[in-house]
Amino acid sequence: MSGENFSKKEVMKNIYPLIENTCVRYNLIPLEVDFSKESGRWFLRIFIYSTDHDVNHQDCENVSRSLSDFLDELIPVKYYLEISSPGLERRFKSEKEYIIFCGKVIDMKLKTPLEGETEKHFKALLLDYNEGYGVKVRRLSDEKELEINLDNVFSSRLCFEENEKQYKKEIDND
């Protein structure tokens, strides 16, 4: 370990492809990778997601075992590795999450109401994401489709309860 003289940005650039490739091997997606120092200790936190099953302990263990030796060679300081699911109603932290969770119900808070609107907080079905215009959603309260620039989004998070209802309805219709 060479001490604290290293570039955190360089470390992230080197480890991210390894993390992404490892996750793909297990049919997982790395939603967030955070390498930060807290109370004098370095932590590498990886939040993983799967589109076809709930992330479980075995998924976290598989990723951890596959990565640890390789990461030790790429990270020049002692660190603690934490791998977990992102949580049921976690706040979105990247544009990638709007793509991954397309078709899910989200809870949105806007900085300012859209033109001709008064609501700043609502639940909506996430229909699409595009770098050019942001997100397209269908507000649940009135079924109105809205296009929202991400610059106007204060926060977005999955709405577990609404997605659970939607999932149960799909199962009942099968």
C-alpha atoms as a PDB file:
ATOM      1  CA  MET A   1       0.000   0.000   0.000  1.00  0.00           C
ATOM      2  CA  SER A   2       1.527   3.259  -1.114  1.00  0.00           C
ATOM      3  CA  GLY A   3      -0.309   5.476   1.358  1.00  0.00           C
ATOM      4  CA  GLU A   4      -2.595   8.401   0.632  1.00  0.00           C
ATOM      5  CA  ASN A   5      -0.794   9.812  -2.431  1.00  0.00           C
ATOM      6  CA  PHE A   6      -3.147   8.670  -5.150  1.00  0.00           C
ATOM      7  CA  SER A   7      -5.897  10.036  -7.335  1.00  0.00           C
ATOM      8  CA  LYS A   8      -9.354   8.897  -6.261  1.00  0.00           C
ATOM      9  CA  LYS A   9     -10.569   9.726  -9.773  1.00  0.00           C
ATOM     10  CA  GLU A  10      -7.859   7.491 -11.281  1.00  0.00           C
ATOM     11  CA  VAL A  11      -8.743   4.639  -8.910  1.00  0.00           C
ATOM     12  CA  MET A  12     -12.425   4.905  -9.881  1.00  0.00           C
ATOM     13  CA  LYS A  13     -11.490   4.972 -13.579  1.00  0.00           C
ATOM     14  CA  ASN A  14      -9.482   1.758 -13.111  1.00  0.00           C
ATOM     15  CA  ILE A  15     -11.929  -0.187 -10.940  1.00  0.00           C
ATOM     16  CA  TYR A  16     -15.250   0.685 -12.589  1.00  0.00           C
ATOM     17  CA  PRO A  17     -14.808  -1.521 -15.702  1.00  0.00           C
ATOM     18  CA  LEU A  18     -13.829  -4.450 -13.465  1.00  0.00           C
ATOM     19  CA  ILE A  19     -16.875  -3.917 -11.256  1.00  0.00           C
ATOM     20  CA  GLU A  20     -19.181  -3.576 -14.259  1.00  0.00           C
ATOM     21  CA  ASN A  21     -17.831  -6.729 -15.978  1.00  0.00           C
ATOM     22  CA  THR A  22     -18.063  -8.744 -12.767  1.00  0.00           C
ATOM     23  CA  CYS A  23     -21.654  -7.671 -12.194  1.00  0.00           C
ATOM     24  CA  VAL A  24     -22.619  -8.551 -15.767  1.00  0.00           C
ATOM     25  CA  ARG A  25     -21.273 -12.092 -15.227  1.00  0.00           C
ATOM     26  CA  TYR A  26     -23.906 -12.519 -12.502  1.00  0.00           C
ATOM     27  CA  ASN A  27     -26.679 -10.737 -14.438  1.00  0.00           C
ATOM     28  CA  LEU A  28     -26.396  -7.696 -12.188  1.00  0.00           C
ATOM     29  CA  ILE A  29     -26.051  -3.964 -12.769  1.00  0.00           C
ATOM     30  CA  PRO A  30     -23.829  -1.701 -10.655  1.00  0.00           C
ATOM     31  CA  LEU A  31     -26.174   1.218  -9.910  1.00  0.00           C
ATOM     32  CA  GLU A  32     -23.709   3.157  -7.835  1.00  0.00           C
ATOM     33  CA  VAL A  33     -20.045   2.832  -6.959  1.00  0.00           C
ATOM     34  CA  ASP A  34     -18.753   5.076  -4.188  1.00  0.00           C
ATOM     35  CA  PHE A  35     -15.151   5.214  -2.991  1.00  0.00           C
ATOM     36  CA  SER A  36     -14.849   7.607  -0.081  1.00  0.00           C
ATOM     37  CA  LYS A  37     -13.095   8.246   3.183  1.00  0.00           C
ATOM     38  CA  GLU A  38     -15.082   8.345   6.422  1.00  0.00           C
ATOM     39  CA  SER A  39     -13.586   8.826   9.874  1.00  0.00           C
ATOM     40  CA  GLY A  40     -10.098   8.105   8.514  1.00  0.00           C
ATOM     41  CA  ARG A  41     -11.101   4.865   6.745  1.00  0.00           C
ATOM     42  CA  TRP A  42     -11.655   4.222   3.050  1.00  0.00           C
ATOM     43  CA  PHE A  43     -14.858   2.493   1.931  1.00  0.00           C
ATOM     44  CA  LEU A  44     -15.748   1.083  -1.463  1.00  0.00           C
ATOM     45  CA  ARG A  45     -19.535   0.750  -1.626  1.00  0.00           C
ATOM     46  CA  ILE A  46     -21.140  -0.966  -4.576  1.00  0.00           C
ATOM     47  CA  PHE A  47     -24.912  -0.971  -4.959  1.00  0.00           C
ATOM     48  CA  ILE A  48     -26.111  -3.709  -7.311  1.00  0.00           C
ATOM     49  CA  TYR A  49     -29.446  -4.322  -9.012  1.00  0.00           C
ATOM     50  CA  SER A  50     -30.979  -7.118 -11.069  1.00  0.00           C
ATOM     51  CA  THR A  51     -33.757  -6.766 -13.615  1.00  0.00           C
ATOM     52  CA  ASP A  52     -34.892 -10.376 -13.204  1.00  0.00           C
ATOM     53  CA  HIS A  53     -34.696 -11.080  -9.460  1.00  0.00           C
ATOM     54  CA  ASP A  54     -34.395  -9.398  -6.088  1.00  0.00           C
ATOM     55  CA  VAL A  55     -30.747  -8.935  -5.124  1.00  0.00           C
ATOM     56  CA  ASN A  56     -29.906 -11.393  -2.363  1.00  0.00           C
ATOM     57  CA  HIS A  57     -27.037 -12.238  -0.049  1.00  0.00           C
ATOM     58  CA  GLN A  58     -25.611 -14.747  -2.557  1.00  0.00           C
ATOM     59  CA  ASP A  59     -25.405 -12.049  -5.252  1.00  0.00           C
ATOM     60  CA  CYS A  60     -23.464  -9.769  -2.916  1.00  0.00           C
ATOM     61  CA  GLU A  61     -21.166 -12.593  -1.882  1.00  0.00           C
ATOM     62  CA  ASN A  62     -20.511 -13.648  -5.504  1.00  0.00           C
ATOM     63  CA  VAL A  63     -19.551 -10.126  -6.511  1.00  0.00           C
ATOM     64  CA  SER A  64     -17.425  -9.614  -3.404  1.00  0.00           C
ATOM     65  CA  ARG A  65     -15.460 -12.845  -3.851  1.00  0.00           C
ATOM     66  CA  SER A  66     -14.937 -12.232  -7.552  1.00  0.00           C
ATOM     67  CA  LEU A  67     -13.707  -8.675  -7.054  1.00  0.00           C
ATOM     68  CA  SER A  68     -11.702  -8.581  -3.839  1.00  0.00           C
ATOM     69  CA  ASP A  69      -8.324  -9.885  -5.055  1.00  0.00           C
ATOM     70  CA  PHE A  70      -8.395  -7.741  -8.208  1.00  0.00           C
ATOM     71  CA  LEU A  71      -9.462  -4.637  -6.307  1.00  0.00           C
ATOM     72  CA  ASP A  72      -6.630  -5.120  -3.816  1.00  0.00           C
ATOM     73  CA  GLU A  73      -4.183  -4.700  -6.697  1.00  0.00           C
ATOM     74  CA  LEU A  74      -5.911  -1.586  -8.067  1.00  0.00           C
ATOM     75  CA  ILE A  75      -6.615   0.293  -4.827  1.00  0.00           C
ATOM     76  CA  PRO A  76      -3.413   1.544  -3.188  1.00  0.00           C
ATOM     77  CA  VAL A  77      -4.844   1.922   0.346  1.00  0.00           C
ATOM     78  CA  LYS A  78      -6.545  -0.302   2.881  1.00  0.00           C
ATOM     79  CA  TYR A  79     -10.306  -0.147   2.283  1.00  0.00           C
ATOM     80  CA  TYR A  80     -13.521  -1.811   3.370  1.00  0.00           C
ATOM     81  CA  LEU A  81     -15.669  -3.375   0.651  1.00  0.00           C
ATOM     82  CA  GLU A  82     -19.449  -3.182   1.033  1.00  0.00           C
ATOM     83  CA  ILE A  83     -21.809  -4.636  -1.555  1.00  0.00           C
ATOM     84  CA  SER A  84     -25.564  -4.344  -1.216  1.00  0.00           C
ATOM     85  CA  SER A  85     -28.835  -3.775  -3.008  1.00  0.00           C
ATOM     86  CA  PRO A  86     -29.829  -0.143  -3.472  1.00  0.00           C
ATOM     87  CA  GLY A  87     -32.873  -0.350  -1.182  1.00  0.00           C
ATOM     88  CA  LEU A  88     -36.550  -0.400  -2.034  1.00  0.00           C
ATOM     89  CA  GLU A  89     -37.213   3.331  -2.209  1.00  0.00           C
ATOM     90  CA  ARG A  90     -33.724   4.716  -2.778  1.00  0.00           C
ATOM     91  CA  ARG A  91     -33.332   8.158  -4.300  1.00  0.00           C
ATOM     92  CA  PHE A  92     -32.077   8.073  -7.900  1.00  0.00           C
ATOM     93  CA  LYS A  93     -28.466   9.195  -8.112  1.00  0.00           C
ATOM     94  CA  SER A  94     -27.710   8.830 -11.810  1.00  0.00           C
ATOM     95  CA  GLU A  95     -29.347   9.210 -15.193  1.00  0.00           C
ATOM     96  CA  LYS A  96     -28.716   5.496 -15.752  1.00  0.00           C
ATOM     97  CA  GLU A  97     -31.387   4.725 -13.150  1.00  0.00           C
ATOM     98  CA  TYR A  98     -34.067   6.420 -15.266  1.00  0.00           C
ATOM     99  CA  ILE A  99     -33.237   3.937 -18.029  1.00  0.00           C
ATOM    100  CA  ILE A 100     -33.046   0.890 -15.744  1.00  0.00           C
ATOM    101  CA  PHE A 101     -36.324   1.648 -13.952  1.00  0.00           C
ATOM    102  CA  CYS A 102     -38.331   2.531 -17.050  1.00  0.00           C
ATOM    103  CA  GLY A 103     -41.815   1.034 -16.648  1.00  0.00           C
ATOM    104  CA  LYS A 104     -41.752   1.446 -12.853  1.00  0.00           C
ATOM    105  CA  VAL A 105     -43.710   3.865 -10.692  1.00  0.00           C
ATOM    106  CA  ILE A 106     -41.589   6.637  -9.206  1.00  0.00           C
ATOM    107  CA  ASP A 107     -42.170   9.377  -6.666  1.00  0.00           C
ATOM    108  CA  MET A 108     -41.022  12.700  -8.149  1.00  0.00           C
ATOM    109  CA  LYS A 109     -40.367  16.062  -6.575  1.00  0.00           C
ATOM    110  CA  LEU A 110     -39.761  18.990  -8.896  1.00  0.00           C
ATOM    111  CA  LYS A 111     -37.926  22.216  -8.106  1.00  0.00           C
ATOM    112  CA  THR A 112     -40.649  24.242  -9.810  1.00  0.00           C
ATOM    113  CA  PRO A 113     -44.018  23.205 -11.274  1.00  0.00           C
ATOM    114  CA  LEU A 114     -44.120  22.599 -15.014  1.00  0.00           C
ATOM    115  CA  GLU A 115     -45.636  25.322 -17.182  1.00  0.00           C
ATOM    116  CA  GLY A 116     -49.406  25.322 -16.726  1.00  0.00           C
ATOM    117  CA  GLU A 117     -49.161  22.967 -13.729  1.00  0.00           C
ATOM    118  CA  THR A 118     -49.306  23.487  -9.978  1.00  0.00           C
ATOM    119  CA  GLU A 119     -48.016  20.167  -8.625  1.00  0.00           C
ATOM    120  CA  LYS A 120     -44.382  19.789  -7.666  1.00  0.00           C
ATOM    121  CA  HIS A 121     -44.720  16.374  -5.970  1.00  0.00           C
ATOM    122  CA  PHE A 122     -46.459  13.372  -7.536  1.00  0.00           C
ATOM    123  CA  LYS A 123     -46.278   9.679  -8.359  1.00  0.00           C
ATOM    124  CA  ALA A 124     -45.811   8.733 -11.997  1.00  0.00           C
ATOM    125  CA  LEU A 125     -45.103   5.817 -14.297  1.00  0.00           C
ATOM    126  CA  LEU A 126     -41.648   6.287 -15.807  1.00  0.00           C
ATOM    127  CA  LEU A 127     -42.130   5.947 -19.572  1.00  0.00           C
ATOM    128  CA  ASP A 128     -38.836   7.014 -21.121  1.00  0.00           C
ATOM    129  CA  TYR A 129     -35.523   8.763 -20.623  1.00  0.00           C
ATOM    130  CA  ASN A 130     -33.698  10.797 -23.229  1.00  0.00           C
ATOM    131  CA  GLU A 131     -30.584  12.940 -22.793  1.00  0.00           C
ATOM    132  CA  GLY A 132     -32.215  15.649 -24.901  1.00  0.00           C
ATOM    133  CA  TYR A 133     -35.432  16.250 -22.962  1.00  0.00           C
ATOM    134  CA  GLY A 134     -35.016  14.296 -19.731  1.00  0.00           C
ATOM    135  CA  VAL A 135     -37.799  11.982 -18.620  1.00  0.00           C
ATOM    136  CA  LYS A 136     -41.252  11.239 -19.908  1.00  0.00           C
ATOM    137  CA  VAL A 137     -43.729  10.130 -17.245  1.00  0.00           C
ATOM    138  CA  ARG A 138     -47.468   9.478 -16.878  1.00  0.00           C
ATOM    139  CA  ARG A 139     -48.725  11.108 -13.685  1.00  0.00           C
ATOM    140  CA  LEU A 140     -50.904   8.610 -11.789  1.00  0.00           C
ATOM    141  CA  SER A 141     -53.411  11.117 -10.442  1.00  0.00           C
ATOM    142  CA  ASP A 142     -54.709  12.191 -13.869  1.00  0.00           C
ATOM    143  CA  GLU A 143     -52.920   9.908 -16.401  1.00  0.00           C
ATOM    144  CA  LYS A 144     -51.361  13.000 -18.018  1.00  0.00           C
ATOM    145  CA  GLU A 145     -48.058  12.464 -19.859  1.00  0.00           C
ATOM    146  CA  LEU A 146     -45.345  14.948 -18.941  1.00  0.00           C
ATOM    147  CA  GLU A 147     -41.846  15.635 -20.240  1.00  0.00           C
ATOM    148  CA  ILE A 148     -39.531  16.831 -17.496  1.00  0.00           C
ATOM    149  CA  ASN A 149     -36.026  18.200 -17.849  1.00  0.00           C
ATOM    150  CA  LEU A 150     -33.734  16.617 -15.231  1.00  0.00           C
ATOM    151  CA  ASP A 151     -32.498  20.087 -14.251  1.00  0.00           C
ATOM    152  CA  ASN A 152     -35.976  20.651 -12.766  1.00  0.00           C
ATOM    153  CA  VAL A 153     -36.017  17.373 -10.795  1.00  0.00           C
ATOM    154  CA  PHE A 154     -35.336  17.824  -7.094  1.00  0.00           C
ATOM    155  CA  SER A 155     -35.573  14.074  -6.410  1.00  0.00           C
ATOM    156  CA  SER A 156     -36.906  10.822  -7.841  1.00  0.00           C
ATOM    157  CA  ARG A 157     -37.217   7.490  -6.111  1.00  0.00           C
ATOM    158  CA  LEU A 158     -38.835   4.159  -6.748  1.00  0.00           C
ATOM    159  CA  CYS A 159     -42.270   3.873  -5.224  1.00  0.00           C
ATOM    160  CA  PHE A 160     -42.162   0.368  -3.756  1.00  0.00           C
ATOM    161  CA  GLU A 161     -45.817   0.188  -2.728  1.00  0.00           C
ATOM    162  CA  GLU A 162     -47.142   1.215  -6.167  1.00  0.00           C
ATOM    163  CA  ASN A 163     -44.739  -1.138  -7.979  1.00  0.00           C
ATOM    164  CA  GLU A 164     -45.813  -3.996  -5.696  1.00  0.00           C
ATOM    165  CA  LYS A 165     -49.482  -3.317  -6.588  1.00  0.00           C
ATOM    166  CA  GLN A 166     -48.581  -3.239 -10.303  1.00  0.00           C
ATOM    167  CA  TYR A 167     -46.665  -6.541  -9.998  1.00  0.00           C
ATOM    168  CA  LYS A 168     -49.569  -8.256  -8.197  1.00  0.00           C
ATOM    169  CA  LYS A 169     -52.013  -7.008 -10.841  1.00  0.00           C
ATOM    170  CA  GLU A 170     -49.808  -8.479 -13.621  1.00  0.00           C
ATOM    171  CA  ILE A 171     -49.660 -11.836 -11.830  1.00  0.00           C
ATOM    172  CA  ASP A 172     -53.442 -11.903 -11.324  1.00  0.00           C
ATOM    173  CA  ASN A 173     -53.957 -11.247 -15.042  1.00  0.00           C
ATOM    174  CA  ASP A 174     -51.727 -14.203 -16.077  1.00  0.00           C
END
